[in-house]
Amino acid sequence: MRDAELIAEIARYVEAHPSRGFWKCSDYLRKQQPGWNPKRIYRVYKAMKLNLRRAAKRRLPKRERVPLYVPRLPDTVWSVDFMSDALACGRRFRTFNVVDDFNREALHIEVDTSINSQRLVRVFEQIKRDHGLPQVVRSDNGPEFLGEAFTSWLKTNGVALQYIQPGKPNQNAFIERFNRTFREEVLDLNLFACLDDVREAAHWWMIDYNEARSHDSLGGMTPVEYRNKYAESSTFEVPA
């Protein structure tokens, strides 16, 4: 069968990433097999009846549009935020997510039932050892980010803390988008028995997100490809 290999690859991708839709699938497959063009992939994708049915969007009240600064260098601004969910037994847990605004790279996802200001310090100590630190950390006004332990540690390490305005999550749009994707592709698709299951799923998803998932805002590149292209080019231009 002429399309047997393509069908198998599409099926594998959709099974692993059921919420991503056609264009993410097409971008991934074309990187694996440059000879497969979008029209052919779409024909097979449609024949497999995989077109995602999009729910009608709920009309939301108008929000003030605030242009979001896109850093021109890596490790300039990192966005951080918390998410909440529950295990199969009903026990609640939280995740603490860290993203580099420059290339939308996921730098860390911490998972536990409780994450306070002191815990954030330990998380950032680990990131500092593994990756380094940014110039600025952007967050909401949650109590963990206002805690003395965290604010003092950032100041000691030369990192500025930038709070968004209360009630304006659009000012932290990069991490908000990341959180939505993480919820759709991990938290909403799995029923976790324990925290270690969440941690393992988050670990492998983060690798895929950084190394295999193309981003429209990065010109179709993955976060790692985007960072590498910046490192290799002295004339690199950040997309508007």
C-alpha atoms as a PDB file:
ATOM      1  CA  MET A   1       0.000   0.000   0.000  1.00  0.00           C
ATOM      2  CA  ARG A   2       1.474   3.327  -1.121  1.00  0.00           C
ATOM      3  CA  ASP A   3       0.530   5.252   2.022  1.00  0.00           C
ATOM      4  CA  ALA A   4       1.073   2.459   4.541  1.00  0.00           C
ATOM      5  CA  GLU A   5       4.215   4.003   6.059  1.00  0.00           C
ATOM      6  CA  LEU A   6       2.607   7.443   6.288  1.00  0.00           C
ATOM      7  CA  ILE A   7      -0.535   5.991   7.886  1.00  0.00           C
ATOM      8  CA  ALA A   8       1.568   4.190  10.470  1.00  0.00           C
ATOM      9  CA  GLU A   9       3.562   7.331  11.299  1.00  0.00           C
ATOM     10  CA  ILE A  10       0.424   9.467  11.597  1.00  0.00           C
ATOM     11  CA  ALA A  11      -1.204   6.865  13.837  1.00  0.00           C
ATOM     12  CA  ARG A  12       1.874   6.776  16.089  1.00  0.00           C
ATOM     13  CA  TYR A  13       1.987  10.559  16.360  1.00  0.00           C
ATOM     14  CA  VAL A  14      -1.734  10.941  17.084  1.00  0.00           C
ATOM     15  CA  GLU A  15      -1.632   8.210  19.710  1.00  0.00           C
ATOM     16  CA  ALA A  16       1.225   9.998  21.477  1.00  0.00           C
ATOM     17  CA  HIS A  17      -0.200  13.520  21.001  1.00  0.00           C
ATOM     18  CA  PRO A  18      -3.998  13.281  20.563  1.00  0.00           C
ATOM     19  CA  SER A  19      -4.714  16.985  21.124  1.00  0.00           C
ATOM     20  CA  ARG A  20      -2.179  18.608  18.794  1.00  0.00           C
ATOM     21  CA  GLY A  21      -4.060  18.545  15.509  1.00  0.00           C
ATOM     22  CA  PHE A  22      -3.021  18.387  11.875  1.00  0.00           C
ATOM     23  CA  TRP A  23      -0.414  21.140  11.537  1.00  0.00           C
ATOM     24  CA  LYS A  24       1.711  19.997  14.478  1.00  0.00           C
ATOM     25  CA  CYS A  25       1.524  16.464  13.091  1.00  0.00           C
ATOM     26  CA  SER A  26       2.466  17.669   9.604  1.00  0.00           C
ATOM     27  CA  ASP A  27       5.421  19.733  10.851  1.00  0.00           C
ATOM     28  CA  TYR A  28       6.771  16.767  12.798  1.00  0.00           C
ATOM     29  CA  LEU A  29       6.370  14.258   9.928  1.00  0.00           C
ATOM     30  CA  ARG A  30       7.965  16.558   7.355  1.00  0.00           C
ATOM     31  CA  LYS A  31      11.035  16.880   9.553  1.00  0.00           C
ATOM     32  CA  GLN A  32      11.243  13.092   9.736  1.00  0.00           C
ATOM     33  CA  GLN A  33      10.535  12.595   6.018  1.00  0.00           C
ATOM     34  CA  PRO A  34      11.168  15.779   3.958  1.00  0.00           C
ATOM     35  CA  GLY A  35       9.642  14.103   0.903  1.00  0.00           C
ATOM     36  CA  TRP A  36       6.169  14.053   2.452  1.00  0.00           C
ATOM     37  CA  ASN A  37       4.374  17.268   1.467  1.00  0.00           C
ATOM     38  CA  PRO A  38       1.496  18.815   3.480  1.00  0.00           C
ATOM     39  CA  LYS A  39      -1.165  18.036   0.851  1.00  0.00           C
ATOM     40  CA  ARG A  40      -0.365  14.327   0.900  1.00  0.00           C
ATOM     41  CA  ILE A  41      -0.207  14.238   4.687  1.00  0.00           C
ATOM     42  CA  TYR A  42      -3.551  16.036   4.933  1.00  0.00           C
ATOM     43  CA  ARG A  43      -5.191  13.692   2.416  1.00  0.00           C
ATOM     44  CA  VAL A  44      -4.172  10.669   4.488  1.00  0.00           C
ATOM     45  CA  TYR A  45      -4.926  12.423   7.786  1.00  0.00           C
ATOM     46  CA  LYS A  46      -8.433  13.269   6.559  1.00  0.00           C
ATOM     47  CA  ALA A  47      -8.986   9.755   5.197  1.00  0.00           C
ATOM     48  CA  MET A  48      -8.148   8.440   8.667  1.00  0.00           C
ATOM     49  CA  LYS A  49     -10.934  10.729   9.994  1.00  0.00           C
ATOM     50  CA  LEU A  50      -8.565  12.407  12.415  1.00  0.00           C
ATOM     51  CA  ASN A  51      -9.732  15.974  11.857  1.00  0.00           C
ATOM     52  CA  LEU A  52     -10.216  17.462  15.312  1.00  0.00           C
ATOM     53  CA  ARG A  53     -13.680  18.842  15.928  1.00  0.00           C
ATOM     54  CA  ARG A  54     -13.217  22.279  17.384  1.00  0.00           C
ATOM     55  CA  ALA A  55     -15.626  23.367  20.098  1.00  0.00           C
ATOM     56  CA  ALA A  56     -17.242  26.761  19.585  1.00  0.00           C
ATOM     57  CA  LYS A  57     -15.253  29.411  21.378  1.00  0.00           C
ATOM     58  CA  ARG A  58     -16.958  31.047  24.354  1.00  0.00           C
ATOM     59  CA  ARG A  59     -17.239  34.790  23.878  1.00  0.00           C
ATOM     60  CA  LEU A  60     -15.053  36.477  26.483  1.00  0.00           C
ATOM     61  CA  PRO A  61     -15.184  40.090  27.666  1.00  0.00           C
ATOM     62  CA  LYS A  62     -12.687  42.366  25.923  1.00  0.00           C
ATOM     63  CA  ARG A  63      -9.362  42.658  27.664  1.00  0.00           C
ATOM     64  CA  GLU A  64      -6.829  45.427  27.440  1.00  0.00           C
ATOM     65  CA  ARG A  65      -4.238  44.502  24.838  1.00  0.00           C
ATOM     66  CA  VAL A  66      -0.747  44.836  26.276  1.00  0.00           C
ATOM     67  CA  PRO A  67       2.159  44.309  23.856  1.00  0.00           C
ATOM     68  CA  LEU A  68       4.329  41.571  25.342  1.00  0.00           C
ATOM     69  CA  TYR A  69       8.041  42.124  25.229  1.00  0.00           C
ATOM     70  CA  VAL A  70       9.867  39.335  23.389  1.00  0.00           C
ATOM     71  CA  PRO A  71      13.479  39.093  24.620  1.00  0.00           C
ATOM     72  CA  ARG A  72      16.174  39.197  21.957  1.00  0.00           C
ATOM     73  CA  LEU A  73      18.530  37.043  24.014  1.00  0.00           C
ATOM     74  CA  PRO A  74      18.117  33.770  25.920  1.00  0.00           C
ATOM     75  CA  ASP A  75      17.943  33.913  29.722  1.00  0.00           C
ATOM     76  CA  THR A  76      16.732  37.510  29.707  1.00  0.00           C
ATOM     77  CA  VAL A  77      13.228  36.949  31.090  1.00  0.00           C
ATOM     78  CA  TRP A  78      11.842  33.721  32.545  1.00  0.00           C
ATOM     79  CA  SER A  79       8.122  33.411  33.250  1.00  0.00           C
ATOM     80  CA  VAL A  80       6.961  31.279  36.191  1.00  0.00           C
ATOM     81  CA  ASP A  81       3.561  30.110  37.387  1.00  0.00           C
ATOM     82  CA  PHE A  82       1.677  27.454  39.343  1.00  0.00           C
ATOM     83  CA  MET A  83      -0.959  24.950  38.223  1.00  0.00           C
ATOM     84  CA  SER A  84      -3.218  22.659  40.273  1.00  0.00           C
ATOM     85  CA  ASP A  85      -4.736  19.228  39.616  1.00  0.00           C
ATOM     86  CA  ALA A  86      -5.637  16.019  41.446  1.00  0.00           C
ATOM     87  CA  LEU A  87      -4.512  12.387  41.565  1.00  0.00           C
ATOM     88  CA  ALA A  88      -6.944   9.524  40.953  1.00  0.00           C
ATOM     89  CA  CYS A  89      -7.532   9.293  44.723  1.00  0.00           C
ATOM     90  CA  GLY A  90      -8.595  12.949  44.845  1.00  0.00           C
ATOM     91  CA  ARG A  91      -5.415  14.206  46.503  1.00  0.00           C
ATOM     92  CA  ARG A  92      -4.530  17.645  45.155  1.00  0.00           C
ATOM     93  CA  PHE A  93      -1.092  18.525  43.779  1.00  0.00           C
ATOM     94  CA  ARG A  94       0.598  21.535  42.243  1.00  0.00           C
ATOM     95  CA  THR A  95       3.117  22.091  39.506  1.00  0.00           C
ATOM     96  CA  PHE A  96       5.570  24.986  39.355  1.00  0.00           C
ATOM     97  CA  ASN A  97       6.499  25.775  35.756  1.00  0.00           C
ATOM     98  CA  VAL A  98       9.444  27.808  34.426  1.00  0.00           C
ATOM     99  CA  VAL A  99       9.703  28.998  30.799  1.00  0.00           C
ATOM    100  CA  ASP A 100      12.314  31.104  28.979  1.00  0.00           C
ATOM    101  CA  ASP A 101      10.368  33.797  27.096  1.00  0.00           C
ATOM    102  CA  PHE A 102      13.080  34.021  24.419  1.00  0.00           C
ATOM    103  CA  ASN A 103      12.452  30.599  22.870  1.00  0.00           C
ATOM    104  CA  ARG A 104       9.488  29.326  24.982  1.00  0.00           C
ATOM    105  CA  GLU A 105      11.757  26.574  26.323  1.00  0.00           C
ATOM    106  CA  ALA A 106      10.448  24.663  29.328  1.00  0.00           C
ATOM    107  CA  LEU A 107      13.235  24.835  31.904  1.00  0.00           C
ATOM    108  CA  HIS A 108      11.578  23.082  34.835  1.00  0.00           C
ATOM    109  CA  ILE A 109       8.328  21.542  36.055  1.00  0.00           C
ATOM    110  CA  GLU A 110       8.265  20.905  39.811  1.00  0.00           C
ATOM    111  CA  VAL A 111       5.527  18.601  41.134  1.00  0.00           C
ATOM    112  CA  ASP A 112       4.363  18.227  44.754  1.00  0.00           C
ATOM    113  CA  THR A 113       1.395  18.621  47.059  1.00  0.00           C
ATOM    114  CA  SER A 114       2.824  21.825  48.524  1.00  0.00           C
ATOM    115  CA  ILE A 115       5.388  24.241  47.072  1.00  0.00           C
ATOM    116  CA  ASN A 116       6.240  27.220  49.269  1.00  0.00           C
ATOM    117  CA  SER A 117       8.754  30.069  49.026  1.00  0.00           C
ATOM    118  CA  GLN A 118      11.584  27.979  50.518  1.00  0.00           C
ATOM    119  CA  ARG A 119      10.889  25.216  47.995  1.00  0.00           C
ATOM    120  CA  LEU A 120      11.155  27.739  45.157  1.00  0.00           C
ATOM    121  CA  VAL A 121      14.638  28.610  46.370  1.00  0.00           C
ATOM    122  CA  ARG A 122      15.673  24.937  46.158  1.00  0.00           C
ATOM    123  CA  VAL A 123      14.173  24.684  42.665  1.00  0.00           C
ATOM    124  CA  PHE A 124      16.099  27.733  41.486  1.00  0.00           C
ATOM    125  CA  GLU A 125      19.293  26.458  43.083  1.00  0.00           C
ATOM    126  CA  GLN A 126      18.941  23.339  40.929  1.00  0.00           C
ATOM    127  CA  ILE A 127      18.199  25.343  37.777  1.00  0.00           C
ATOM    128  CA  LYS A 128      21.187  27.578  38.529  1.00  0.00           C
ATOM    129  CA  ARG A 129      23.480  24.532  38.667  1.00  0.00           C
ATOM    130  CA  ASP A 130      22.039  22.968  35.510  1.00  0.00           C
ATOM    131  CA  HIS A 131      21.368  25.989  33.332  1.00  0.00           C
ATOM    132  CA  GLY A 132      22.284  29.319  34.906  1.00  0.00           C
ATOM    133  CA  LEU A 133      19.947  32.182  35.836  1.00  0.00           C
ATOM    134  CA  PRO A 134      18.026  34.897  33.966  1.00  0.00           C
ATOM    135  CA  GLN A 135      18.166  38.650  34.356  1.00  0.00           C
ATOM    136  CA  VAL A 136      14.451  38.826  35.239  1.00  0.00           C
ATOM    137  CA  VAL A 137      11.803  36.459  36.633  1.00  0.00           C
ATOM    138  CA  ARG A 138       8.206  37.413  35.785  1.00  0.00           C
ATOM    139  CA  SER A 139       5.366  36.156  37.998  1.00  0.00           C
ATOM    140  CA  ASP A 140       1.925  36.944  39.343  1.00  0.00           C
ATOM    141  CA  ASN A 141       1.418  38.186  42.891  1.00  0.00           C
ATOM    142  CA  GLY A 142       1.011  34.788  44.533  1.00  0.00           C
ATOM    143  CA  PRO A 143       2.173  34.483  48.166  1.00  0.00           C
ATOM    144  CA  GLU A 144       5.003  32.105  47.220  1.00  0.00           C
ATOM    145  CA  PHE A 145       6.528  34.810  45.010  1.00  0.00           C
ATOM    146  CA  LEU A 146       6.158  37.419  47.735  1.00  0.00           C
ATOM    147  CA  GLY A 147       7.866  35.290  50.400  1.00  0.00           C
ATOM    148  CA  GLU A 148      11.040  36.621  51.991  1.00  0.00           C
ATOM    149  CA  ALA A 149      13.033  33.462  51.260  1.00  0.00           C
ATOM    150  CA  PHE A 150      12.416  33.651  47.509  1.00  0.00           C
ATOM    151  CA  THR A 151      12.694  37.418  47.022  1.00  0.00           C
ATOM    152  CA  SER A 152      15.898  37.604  49.077  1.00  0.00           C
ATOM    153  CA  TRP A 153      17.469  34.714  47.180  1.00  0.00           C
ATOM    154  CA  LEU A 154      16.743  36.354  43.820  1.00  0.00           C
ATOM    155  CA  LYS A 155      18.175  39.664  45.012  1.00  0.00           C
ATOM    156  CA  THR A 156      21.322  37.974  46.333  1.00  0.00           C
ATOM    157  CA  ASN A 157      21.795  36.235  42.978  1.00  0.00           C
ATOM    158  CA  GLY A 158      21.287  39.406  40.944  1.00  0.00           C
ATOM    159  CA  VAL A 159      17.894  38.434  39.481  1.00  0.00           C
ATOM    160  CA  ALA A 160      15.145  41.062  39.258  1.00  0.00           C
ATOM    161  CA  LEU A 161      11.571  40.024  40.106  1.00  0.00           C
ATOM    162  CA  GLN A 162       8.862  41.542  37.904  1.00  0.00           C
ATOM    163  CA  TYR A 163       5.225  41.187  38.997  1.00  0.00           C
ATOM    164  CA  ILE A 164       2.365  41.394  36.536  1.00  0.00           C
ATOM    165  CA  GLN A 165      -0.614  43.588  37.411  1.00  0.00           C
ATOM    166  CA  PRO A 166      -3.284  41.822  39.517  1.00  0.00           C
ATOM    167  CA  GLY A 167      -6.074  40.364  37.393  1.00  0.00           C
ATOM    168  CA  LYS A 168      -4.113  40.661  34.132  1.00  0.00           C
ATOM    169  CA  PRO A 169      -2.769  37.185  33.262  1.00  0.00           C
ATOM    170  CA  ASN A 170      -2.360  38.356  29.637  1.00  0.00           C
ATOM    171  CA  GLN A 171       0.772  40.157  30.866  1.00  0.00           C
ATOM    172  CA  ASN A 172       2.250  36.711  31.471  1.00  0.00           C
ATOM    173  CA  ALA A 173       1.024  35.254  28.195  1.00  0.00           C
ATOM    174  CA  PHE A 174       4.007  32.994  27.458  1.00  0.00           C
ATOM    175  CA  ILE A 175       3.583  30.931  30.617  1.00  0.00           C
ATOM    176  CA  GLU A 176      -0.229  31.040  30.324  1.00  0.00           C
ATOM    177  CA  ARG A 177       0.020  29.466  26.856  1.00  0.00           C
ATOM    178  CA  PHE A 178       2.524  26.907  28.142  1.00  0.00           C
ATOM    179  CA  ASN A 179       0.214  26.003  31.036  1.00  0.00           C
ATOM    180  CA  ARG A 180      -2.720  25.501  28.677  1.00  0.00           C
ATOM    181  CA  THR A 181      -0.699  23.172  26.465  1.00  0.00           C
ATOM    182  CA  PHE A 182       0.605  21.213  29.464  1.00  0.00           C
ATOM    183  CA  ARG A 183      -2.927  20.800  30.790  1.00  0.00           C
ATOM    184  CA  GLU A 184      -4.354  19.690  27.425  1.00  0.00           C
ATOM    185  CA  GLU A 185      -1.551  17.256  26.622  1.00  0.00           C
ATOM    186  CA  VAL A 186      -0.681  15.861  30.062  1.00  0.00           C
ATOM    187  CA  LEU A 187      -2.968  16.680  32.973  1.00  0.00           C
ATOM    188  CA  ASP A 188      -6.297  16.329  31.156  1.00  0.00           C
ATOM    189  CA  LEU A 189      -5.281  13.167  29.290  1.00  0.00           C
ATOM    190  CA  ASN A 190      -4.059  11.131  32.250  1.00  0.00           C
ATOM    191  CA  LEU A 191      -5.365   9.821  35.551  1.00  0.00           C
ATOM    192  CA  PHE A 192      -2.323   9.679  37.794  1.00  0.00           C
ATOM    193  CA  ALA A 193      -2.026   7.246  40.698  1.00  0.00           C
ATOM    194  CA  CYS A 194       0.838   9.014  42.493  1.00  0.00           C
ATOM    195  CA  LEU A 195       3.116  12.051  42.326  1.00  0.00           C
ATOM    196  CA  ASP A 196       5.964  10.059  40.795  1.00  0.00           C
ATOM    197  CA  ASP A 197       3.694   9.237  37.839  1.00  0.00           C
ATOM    198  CA  VAL A 198       3.050  12.957  37.329  1.00  0.00           C
ATOM    199  CA  ARG A 199       6.761  13.732  37.582  1.00  0.00           C
ATOM    200  CA  GLU A 200       7.676  11.073  35.025  1.00  0.00           C
ATOM    201  CA  ALA A 201       4.982  12.195  32.575  1.00  0.00           C
ATOM    202  CA  ALA A 202       6.054  15.838  32.977  1.00  0.00           C
ATOM    203  CA  HIS A 203       9.720  14.925  32.449  1.00  0.00           C
ATOM    204  CA  TRP A 204       9.179  13.093  29.156  1.00  0.00           C
ATOM    205  CA  TRP A 205       6.608  15.601  27.906  1.00  0.00           C
ATOM    206  CA  MET A 206       9.009  18.473  28.580  1.00  0.00           C
ATOM    207  CA  ILE A 207      11.709  16.789  26.492  1.00  0.00           C
ATOM    208  CA  ASP A 208       9.252  16.309  23.617  1.00  0.00           C
ATOM    209  CA  TYR A 209       7.971  19.891  23.996  1.00  0.00           C
ATOM    210  CA  ASN A 210      11.487  21.339  23.790  1.00  0.00           C
ATOM    211  CA  GLU A 211      13.007  19.037  21.176  1.00  0.00           C
ATOM    212  CA  ALA A 212      10.193  17.805  18.901  1.00  0.00           C
ATOM    213  CA  ARG A 213       7.188  20.142  19.094  1.00  0.00           C
ATOM    214  CA  SER A 214       7.264  22.926  16.506  1.00  0.00           C
ATOM    215  CA  HIS A 215       6.078  26.397  17.522  1.00  0.00           C
ATOM    216  CA  ASP A 216       4.373  28.793  15.127  1.00  0.00           C
ATOM    217  CA  SER A 217       5.771  31.772  17.053  1.00  0.00           C
ATOM    218  CA  LEU A 218       9.303  30.427  16.496  1.00  0.00           C
ATOM    219  CA  GLY A 219       8.931  30.128  12.743  1.00  0.00           C
ATOM    220  CA  GLY A 220       8.077  26.419  12.902  1.00  0.00           C
ATOM    221  CA  MET A 221      11.170  25.564  14.949  1.00  0.00           C
ATOM    222  CA  THR A 222      11.298  23.754  18.270  1.00  0.00           C
ATOM    223  CA  PRO A 223      12.619  25.689  21.293  1.00  0.00           C
ATOM    224  CA  VAL A 224      15.924  23.806  21.116  1.00  0.00           C
ATOM    225  CA  GLU A 225      16.288  24.421  17.355  1.00  0.00           C
ATOM    226  CA  TYR A 226      15.552  28.110  17.921  1.00  0.00           C
ATOM    227  CA  ARG A 227      18.148  28.426  20.681  1.00  0.00           C
ATOM    228  CA  ASN A 228      20.743  26.554  18.613  1.00  0.00           C
ATOM    229  CA  LYS A 229      20.089  28.740  15.573  1.00  0.00           C
ATOM    230  CA  TYR A 230      20.637  31.818  17.736  1.00  0.00           C
ATOM    231  CA  ALA A 231      23.897  30.382  19.095  1.00  0.00           C
ATOM    232  CA  GLU A 232      25.178  29.591  15.594  1.00  0.00           C
ATOM    233  CA  SER A 233      24.319  32.904  13.915  1.00  0.00           C
ATOM    234  CA  SER A 234      25.636  36.400  14.602  1.00  0.00           C
ATOM    235  CA  THR A 235      22.827  37.897  12.466  1.00  0.00           C
ATOM    236  CA  PHE A 236      19.931  36.014  14.057  1.00  0.00           C
ATOM    237  CA  GLU A 237      16.629  37.928  13.875  1.00  0.00           C
ATOM    238  CA  VAL A 238      13.901  37.408  16.462  1.00  0.00           C
ATOM    239  CA  PRO A 239      10.463  37.065  14.766  1.00  0.00           C
ATOM    240  CA  ALA A 240       8.173  40.012  15.386  1.00  0.00           C
END
